[in-house]
C-alpha atoms as a PDB file:
ATOM      1  CA  MET A   1      14.526   0.353   5.266  1.00  0.00           C
ATOM      2  CA  TYR A   2      14.038  -0.299   1.555  1.00  0.00           C
ATOM      3  CA  GLN A   3      17.087  -0.383  -0.698  1.00  0.00           C
ATOM      4  CA  LEU A   4      16.475  -0.781  -4.430  1.00  0.00           C
ATOM      5  CA  ARG A   5      19.464  -1.254  -6.716  1.00  0.00           C
ATOM      6  CA  GLY A   6      19.266  -1.443 -10.489  1.00  0.00           C
ATOM      7  CA  VAL A   7      15.648  -2.630 -10.511  1.00  0.00           C
ATOM      8  CA  THR A   8      14.498  -3.432 -14.031  1.00  0.00           C
ATOM      9  CA  LYS A   9      11.194  -4.917 -15.147  1.00  0.00           C
ATOM     10  CA  GLN A  10      10.646  -5.897 -18.760  1.00  0.00           C
ATOM     11  CA  TYR A  11       7.480  -7.099 -20.457  1.00  0.00           C
ATOM     12  CA  ARG A  12       6.946  -8.541 -23.895  1.00  0.00           C
ATOM     13  CA  ARG A  13       4.420  -6.727 -26.065  1.00  0.00           C
ATOM     14  CA  GLY A  14       4.204  -8.638 -29.300  1.00  0.00           C
ATOM     15  CA  LYS A  15       7.700  -8.569 -30.768  1.00  0.00           C
ATOM     16  CA  ASP A  16       8.734  -5.593 -28.647  1.00  0.00           C
ATOM     17  CA  THR A  17      10.270  -5.454 -25.175  1.00  0.00           C
ATOM     18  CA  VAL A  18       8.849  -2.776 -22.858  1.00  0.00           C
ATOM     19  CA  ASP A  19      10.903  -1.455 -19.939  1.00  0.00           C
ATOM     20  CA  ALA A  20       8.335  -0.802 -17.193  1.00  0.00           C
ATOM     21  CA  LEU A  21      11.246  -0.060 -14.839  1.00  0.00           C
ATOM     22  CA  ALA A  22      14.662   0.882 -16.183  1.00  0.00           C
ATOM     23  CA  GLY A  23      17.394   0.546 -13.574  1.00  0.00           C
ATOM     24  CA  VAL A  24      15.672   2.115 -10.552  1.00  0.00           C
ATOM     25  CA  ASP A  25      17.866   3.002  -7.553  1.00  0.00           C
ATOM     26  CA  LEU A  26      15.917   4.146  -4.503  1.00  0.00           C
ATOM     27  CA  THR A  27      16.320   4.276  -0.727  1.00  0.00           C
ATOM     28  CA  ILE A  28      13.258   4.592   1.534  1.00  0.00           C
ATOM     29  CA  GLY A  29      13.965   4.956   5.237  1.00  0.00           C
ATOM     30  CA  ASP A  30      11.961   3.553   8.111  1.00  0.00           C
ATOM     31  CA  GLY A  31       8.988   5.803   8.813  1.00  0.00           C
ATOM     32  CA  ASP A  32       9.249   7.679   5.501  1.00  0.00           C
ATOM     33  CA  ARG A  33       6.134   8.912   3.692  1.00  0.00           C
ATOM     34  CA  LEU A  34       6.567   8.902  -0.050  1.00  0.00           C
ATOM     35  CA  VAL A  35       4.267   9.453  -3.035  1.00  0.00           C
ATOM     36  CA  ILE A  36       4.835   7.923  -6.474  1.00  0.00           C
ATOM     37  CA  GLN A  37       3.374   9.912  -9.343  1.00  0.00           C
ATOM     38  CA  GLY A  38       3.605   9.817 -13.119  1.00  0.00           C
ATOM     39  CA  PRO A  39       1.705   9.307 -16.379  1.00  0.00           C
ATOM     40  CA  THR A  40      -0.360   6.210 -17.104  1.00  0.00           C
ATOM     41  CA  GLY A  41       1.933   3.413 -18.190  1.00  0.00           C
ATOM     42  CA  GLY A  42       4.986   5.133 -16.732  1.00  0.00           C
ATOM     43  CA  GLY A  43       5.750   2.358 -14.251  1.00  0.00           C
ATOM     44  CA  LYS A  44       4.365   3.637 -10.939  1.00  0.00           C
ATOM     45  CA  SER A  45       2.077   0.684 -10.191  1.00  0.00           C
ATOM     46  CA  THR A  46       4.833  -1.699 -11.284  1.00  0.00           C
ATOM     47  CA  LEU A  47       7.182  -0.060  -8.794  1.00  0.00           C
ATOM     48  CA  LEU A  48       4.608  -0.373  -6.013  1.00  0.00           C
ATOM     49  CA  GLN A  49       4.094  -4.053  -6.838  1.00  0.00           C
ATOM     50  CA  MET A  50       7.843  -4.602  -6.572  1.00  0.00           C
ATOM     51  CA  LEU A  51       7.941  -2.900  -3.182  1.00  0.00           C
ATOM     52  CA  GLY A  52       5.107  -5.154  -2.007  1.00  0.00           C
ATOM     53  CA  GLY A  53       6.598  -8.378  -3.301  1.00  0.00           C
ATOM     54  CA  LEU A  54       3.627  -8.853  -5.632  1.00  0.00           C
ATOM     55  CA  ASP A  55       5.924  -9.114  -8.643  1.00  0.00           C
ATOM     56  CA  ARG A  56       9.610  -9.830  -9.186  1.00  0.00           C
ATOM     57  CA  PRO A  57      12.079  -7.718 -11.162  1.00  0.00           C
ATOM     58  CA  THR A  58      13.758  -8.879 -14.328  1.00  0.00           C
ATOM     59  CA  ALA A  59      17.024  -7.696 -12.783  1.00  0.00           C
ATOM     60  CA  GLY A  60      18.198  -5.895  -9.657  1.00  0.00           C
ATOM     61  CA  SER A  61      17.561  -6.226  -5.929  1.00  0.00           C
ATOM     62  CA  ILE A  62      14.744  -5.038  -3.646  1.00  0.00           C
ATOM     63  CA  GLU A  63      15.805  -5.264  -0.013  1.00  0.00           C
ATOM     64  CA  LEU A  64      13.514  -4.604   2.941  1.00  0.00           C
ATOM     65  CA  ASP A  65      15.433  -4.720   6.207  1.00  0.00           C
ATOM     66  CA  GLY A  66      18.189  -6.641   4.453  1.00  0.00           C
ATOM     67  CA  VAL A  67      15.852  -9.257   2.936  1.00  0.00           C
ATOM     68  CA  ASP A  68      15.950  -9.319  -0.880  1.00  0.00           C
ATOM     69  CA  LEU A  69      12.319  -9.782  -1.915  1.00  0.00           C
ATOM     70  CA  ALA A  70      13.436 -10.595  -5.458  1.00  0.00           C
ATOM     71  CA  LYS A  71      15.235 -13.740  -4.297  1.00  0.00           C
ATOM     72  CA  LEU A  72      12.915 -15.134  -1.629  1.00  0.00           C
ATOM     73  CA  PRO A  73      11.262 -18.483  -2.418  1.00  0.00           C
ATOM     74  CA  GLU A  74       7.542 -18.015  -3.077  1.00  0.00           C
ATOM     75  CA  ALA A  75       6.396 -19.555   0.226  1.00  0.00           C
ATOM     76  CA  ARG A  76       8.725 -17.343   2.271  1.00  0.00           C
ATOM     77  CA  LEU A  77       7.780 -14.290   0.242  1.00  0.00           C
ATOM     78  CA  THR A  78       4.077 -14.927   0.865  1.00  0.00           C
ATOM     79  CA  LYS A  79       4.709 -15.247   4.613  1.00  0.00           C
ATOM     80  CA  PHE A  80       6.895 -12.119   4.682  1.00  0.00           C
ATOM     81  CA  ARG A  81       4.257 -10.152   2.797  1.00  0.00           C
ATOM     82  CA  ALA A  82       1.466 -11.364   5.096  1.00  0.00           C
ATOM     83  CA  GLU A  83       3.369 -10.303   8.210  1.00  0.00           C
ATOM     84  CA  SER A  84       5.147  -7.110   7.179  1.00  0.00           C
ATOM     85  CA  ILE A  85       3.249  -5.319   4.389  1.00  0.00           C
ATOM     86  CA  GLY A  86      -0.274  -3.887   4.341  1.00  0.00           C
ATOM     87  CA  PHE A  87      -2.047  -3.012   1.091  1.00  0.00           C
ATOM     88  CA  VAL A  88      -4.829  -0.526   0.293  1.00  0.00           C
ATOM     89  CA  PHE A  89      -6.269  -0.407  -3.224  1.00  0.00           C
ATOM     90  CA  GLN A  90      -8.512   1.962  -5.176  1.00  0.00           C
ATOM     91  CA  SER A  91     -11.304  -0.616  -5.519  1.00  0.00           C
ATOM     92  CA  PHE A  92     -11.389  -1.507  -1.772  1.00  0.00           C
ATOM     93  CA  ASN A  93     -11.301  -5.281  -2.544  1.00  0.00           C
ATOM     94  CA  LEU A  94     -13.739  -6.144   0.224  1.00  0.00           C
ATOM     95  CA  ILE A  95     -15.562  -9.492   0.212  1.00  0.00           C
ATOM     96  CA  PRO A  96     -19.227  -8.532  -0.333  1.00  0.00           C
ATOM     97  CA  THR A  97     -20.690 -11.410   1.716  1.00  0.00           C
ATOM     98  CA  LEU A  98     -18.591 -10.619   4.814  1.00  0.00           C
ATOM     99  CA  ASN A  99     -19.309  -7.809   7.260  1.00  0.00           C
ATOM    100  CA  ALA A 100     -16.726  -5.178   8.188  1.00  0.00           C
ATOM    101  CA  GLN A 101     -15.265  -7.117  11.092  1.00  0.00           C
ATOM    102  CA  GLU A 102     -15.035 -10.341   9.093  1.00  0.00           C
ATOM    103  CA  ASN A 103     -13.347  -8.537   6.196  1.00  0.00           C
ATOM    104  CA  VAL A 104     -10.702  -7.174   8.537  1.00  0.00           C
ATOM    105  CA  GLU A 105     -10.216 -10.584  10.149  1.00  0.00           C
ATOM    106  CA  THR A 106      -9.222 -12.084   6.782  1.00  0.00           C
ATOM    107  CA  ALA A 107      -5.828 -10.346   7.058  1.00  0.00           C
ATOM    108  CA  LEU A 108      -5.137 -12.218  10.295  1.00  0.00           C
ATOM    109  CA  VAL A 109      -5.975 -15.725   9.106  1.00  0.00           C
ATOM    110  CA  PRO A 110      -2.494 -16.359   7.579  1.00  0.00           C
ATOM    111  CA  LEU A 111      -0.916 -15.413  10.924  1.00  0.00           C
ATOM    112  CA  GLY A 112      -2.532 -18.372  12.689  1.00  0.00           C
ATOM    113  CA  LEU A 113      -4.286 -16.372  15.412  1.00  0.00           C
ATOM    114  CA  LYS A 114      -7.165 -17.841  17.385  1.00  0.00           C
ATOM    115  CA  ALA A 115     -10.665 -16.758  16.358  1.00  0.00           C
ATOM    116  CA  ALA A 116     -11.225 -14.761  19.553  1.00  0.00           C
ATOM    117  CA  ASP A 117      -7.952 -12.874  19.051  1.00  0.00           C
ATOM    118  CA  ARG A 118      -8.845 -12.146  15.440  1.00  0.00           C
ATOM    119  CA  ARG A 119     -12.241 -10.734  16.432  1.00  0.00           C
ATOM    120  CA  GLU A 120     -10.745  -8.539  19.145  1.00  0.00           C
ATOM    121  CA  ARG A 121      -7.985  -7.134  16.948  1.00  0.00           C
ATOM    122  CA  ALA A 122     -10.378  -6.526  14.042  1.00  0.00           C
ATOM    123  CA  ALA A 123     -12.761  -4.619  16.315  1.00  0.00           C
ATOM    124  CA  GLN A 124      -9.888  -2.492  17.626  1.00  0.00           C
ATOM    125  CA  ALA A 125      -8.657  -1.747  14.096  1.00  0.00           C
ATOM    126  CA  LEU A 126     -12.120  -0.668  12.943  1.00  0.00           C
ATOM    127  CA  ASN A 127     -12.529   1.505  16.005  1.00  0.00           C
ATOM    128  CA  SER A 128      -9.192   3.194  15.227  1.00  0.00           C
ATOM    129  CA  VAL A 129     -10.521   4.317  11.819  1.00  0.00           C
ATOM    130  CA  GLY A 130     -13.833   5.524  13.231  1.00  0.00           C
ATOM    131  CA  LEU A 131     -16.000   2.498  12.387  1.00  0.00           C
ATOM    132  CA  GLY A 132     -16.508   1.020  15.836  1.00  0.00           C
ATOM    133  CA  GLU A 133     -20.276   1.078  15.326  1.00  0.00           C
ATOM    134  CA  ARG A 134     -20.168  -0.565  11.887  1.00  0.00           C
ATOM    135  CA  LEU A 135     -18.656  -3.948  12.742  1.00  0.00           C
ATOM    136  CA  GLY A 136     -21.659  -5.932  11.525  1.00  0.00           C
ATOM    137  CA  HIS A 137     -22.343  -3.957   8.342  1.00  0.00           C
ATOM    138  CA  LEU A 138     -21.821  -5.439   4.885  1.00  0.00           C
ATOM    139  CA  PRO A 139     -19.891  -3.430   2.267  1.00  0.00           C
ATOM    140  CA  SER A 140     -23.171  -2.761   0.417  1.00  0.00           C
ATOM    141  CA  GLU A 141     -24.481  -1.042   3.552  1.00  0.00           C
ATOM    142  CA  MET A 142     -21.590   1.429   3.706  1.00  0.00           C
ATOM    143  CA  SER A 143     -20.503   4.463   1.699  1.00  0.00           C
ATOM    144  CA  GLY A 144     -17.371   4.406  -0.440  1.00  0.00           C
ATOM    145  CA  GLY A 145     -15.443   6.270   2.217  1.00  0.00           C
ATOM    146  CA  GLN A 146     -16.527   3.825   4.905  1.00  0.00           C
ATOM    147  CA  GLN A 147     -15.548   0.887   2.720  1.00  0.00           C
ATOM    148  CA  GLN A 148     -12.101   2.382   2.251  1.00  0.00           C
ATOM    149  CA  ARG A 149     -11.805   2.786   6.022  1.00  0.00           C
ATOM    150  CA  VAL A 150     -12.542  -0.929   6.362  1.00  0.00           C
ATOM    151  CA  ALA A 151      -9.815  -1.617   3.799  1.00  0.00           C
ATOM    152  CA  ILE A 152      -7.380   0.554   5.782  1.00  0.00           C
ATOM    153  CA  ALA A 153      -8.268  -1.290   8.991  1.00  0.00           C
ATOM    154  CA  ARG A 154      -7.694  -4.602   7.205  1.00  0.00           C
ATOM    155  CA  ALA A 155      -4.269  -3.426   6.018  1.00  0.00           C
ATOM    156  CA  LEU A 156      -3.217  -2.256   9.483  1.00  0.00           C
ATOM    157  CA  VAL A 157      -4.730  -4.933  11.741  1.00  0.00           C
ATOM    158  CA  LYS A 158      -1.672  -7.172  11.421  1.00  0.00           C
ATOM    159  CA  ASN A 159       0.634  -4.346  12.589  1.00  0.00           C
ATOM    160  CA  PRO A 160       2.720  -4.198   9.390  1.00  0.00           C
ATOM    161  CA  LYS A 161       5.985  -2.356   9.004  1.00  0.00           C
ATOM    162  CA  VAL A 162       5.009  -0.959   5.587  1.00  0.00           C
ATOM    163  CA  LEU A 163       1.725   0.406   4.208  1.00  0.00           C
ATOM    164  CA  LEU A 164       1.389   0.506   0.414  1.00  0.00           C
ATOM    165  CA  ALA A 165      -1.561   2.336  -1.148  1.00  0.00           C
ATOM    166  CA  ASP A 166      -2.435   2.295  -4.862  1.00  0.00           C
ATOM    167  CA  GLU A 167      -4.746   5.228  -5.726  1.00  0.00           C
ATOM    168  CA  PRO A 168      -6.618   4.861  -2.392  1.00  0.00           C
ATOM    169  CA  THR A 169      -8.777   7.944  -3.053  1.00  0.00           C
ATOM    170  CA  GLY A 170      -9.354   7.360  -6.771  1.00  0.00           C
ATOM    171  CA  ASN A 171     -13.001   6.300  -6.344  1.00  0.00           C
ATOM    172  CA  LEU A 172     -13.925   9.032  -3.853  1.00  0.00           C
ATOM    173  CA  ASP A 173     -15.202  12.591  -4.149  1.00  0.00           C
ATOM    174  CA  GLU A 174     -13.081  15.523  -2.990  1.00  0.00           C
ATOM    175  CA  SER A 175     -14.408  15.777   0.571  1.00  0.00           C
ATOM    176  CA  MET A 176     -14.128  12.029   1.121  1.00  0.00           C
ATOM    177  CA  ARG A 177     -10.663  12.063  -0.459  1.00  0.00           C
ATOM    178  CA  ASP A 178      -9.439  14.524   2.165  1.00  0.00           C
ATOM    179  CA  GLU A 179     -11.074  12.511   4.942  1.00  0.00           C
ATOM    180  CA  ILE A 180      -9.357   9.291   3.877  1.00  0.00           C
ATOM    181  CA  MET A 181      -6.005  11.044   3.520  1.00  0.00           C
ATOM    182  CA  ASP A 182      -6.390  12.378   7.055  1.00  0.00           C
ATOM    183  CA  VAL A 183      -6.988   8.815   8.285  1.00  0.00           C
ATOM    184  CA  LEU A 184      -3.964   7.465   6.409  1.00  0.00           C
ATOM    185  CA  GLU A 185      -1.671  10.238   7.595  1.00  0.00           C
ATOM    186  CA  THR A 186      -2.852   9.853  11.188  1.00  0.00           C
ATOM    187  CA  MET A 187      -2.163   6.114  11.090  1.00  0.00           C
ATOM    188  CA  TRP A 188       1.263   6.769   9.575  1.00  0.00           C
ATOM    189  CA  LYS A 189       2.190   9.103  12.424  1.00  0.00           C
ATOM    190  CA  GLU A 190       0.691   7.065  15.247  1.00  0.00           C
ATOM    191  CA  LEU A 191       2.036   3.685  14.121  1.00  0.00           C
ATOM    192  CA  GLY A 192       5.411   4.797  12.777  1.00  0.00           C
ATOM    193  CA  LEU A 193       4.738   3.173   9.412  1.00  0.00           C
ATOM    194  CA  THR A 194       6.708   3.438   6.228  1.00  0.00           C
ATOM    195  CA  PHE A 195       3.926   4.759   3.972  1.00  0.00           C
ATOM    196  CA  ILE A 196       4.220   4.651   0.175  1.00  0.00           C
ATOM    197  CA  MET A 197       1.364   5.702  -2.088  1.00  0.00           C
ATOM    198  CA  VAL A 198       0.670   5.906  -5.818  1.00  0.00           C
ATOM    199  CA  THR A 199      -1.627   8.750  -6.903  1.00  0.00           C
ATOM    200  CA  HIS A 200      -2.586  10.817  -9.958  1.00  0.00           C
ATOM    201  CA  ASP A 201      -3.790  13.608  -7.668  1.00  0.00           C
ATOM    202  CA  SER A 202      -1.253  16.452  -7.450  1.00  0.00           C
ATOM    203  CA  SER A 203      -2.966  17.950  -4.382  1.00  0.00           C
ATOM    204  CA  ILE A 204      -2.287  14.702  -2.521  1.00  0.00           C
ATOM    205  CA  ALA A 205       1.263  14.487  -3.838  1.00  0.00           C
ATOM    206  CA  ARG A 206       2.029  17.933  -2.420  1.00  0.00           C
ATOM    207  CA  ARG A 207       1.170  16.661   1.080  1.00  0.00           C
ATOM    208  CA  ALA A 208       4.042  14.157   1.091  1.00  0.00           C
ATOM    209  CA  PRO A 209       7.598  14.917   2.262  1.00  0.00           C
ATOM    210  CA  ARG A 210       9.065  12.979  -0.691  1.00  0.00           C
ATOM    211  CA  LEU A 211       7.795  12.648  -4.247  1.00  0.00           C
ATOM    212  CA  VAL A 212       9.055  10.077  -6.726  1.00  0.00           C
ATOM    213  CA  THR A 213       8.097  10.919 -10.299  1.00  0.00           C
ATOM    214  CA  ILE A 214       8.388   8.034 -12.745  1.00  0.00           C
ATOM    215  CA  ARG A 215       8.324   8.336 -16.523  1.00  0.00           C
ATOM    216  CA  LYS A 216       9.200   5.560 -18.961  1.00  0.00           C
ATOM    217  CA  GLY A 217      10.519   3.491 -16.080  1.00  0.00           C
ATOM    218  CA  ARG A 218      12.969   6.104 -14.772  1.00  0.00           C
ATOM    219  CA  ILE A 219      12.588   8.077 -11.556  1.00  0.00           C
ATOM    220  CA  THR A 220      13.330  11.521 -10.219  1.00  0.00           C
ATOM    221  CA  ILE A 221      13.048  12.363  -6.515  1.00  0.00           C
ATOM    222  CA  THR A 222      11.802  15.642  -5.041  1.00  0.00           C
ATOM    223  CA  GLU A 223      11.995  16.633  -1.371  1.00  0.00           C
ATOM    224  CA  ASN A 224       9.049  18.751  -0.167  1.00  0.00           C
ATOM    225  CA  SER A 225       9.884  20.790   2.923  1.00  0.00           C
ATOM    226  CA  LYS A 226       6.360  22.305   2.953  1.00  0.00           C
ATOM    227  CA  ALA A 227       4.517  18.976   3.180  1.00  0.00           C
ATOM    228  CA  VAL A 228       1.745  18.725   5.772  1.00  0.00           C
END
């Protein structure tokens, strides 16, 4: 479970101080599915980075299962992130010279697995997202939707507790957007993940049981009983 208390993030912009997050309090239970939405510059990506341990708050605490990510030494934070948190980004972030299986294997390298184990787990992860026949294909040989499936497989191959997605459908057309959301929601249900996603797309936001809206660093929370 995530427990955020008084999370503040300030940046300097010339002589001014900008509050990207302004005292955020938020609880996210195990297995929750939550969408973060808001205007550009409102703080949503900053909040996601805090949840993923990619940035540290100016003040406040960010606990995941009782571990305060804000206070962990960098080496321990890197290890915790590698083991417990999967990331999916809008731009896929695949290595162009590696094939699909090799891209997925990169997530397992920090865990110290043997090469044979990495290959087997990567193949299984790609099969789970419908790319079992694309293991040897380079990113340039795949569509945008297929590349995002590879990115999802890479995020999930290490069996994380949390999946964080930053605009995962932002580079896709409408039909591919729905296809990728179906994959993400299926993985969330089957794996019992805590799934947190940033999106500008209101049609996607309406699919989530919980919606966090963030404006000028402050949040409001909406429960959606009609979510699919």
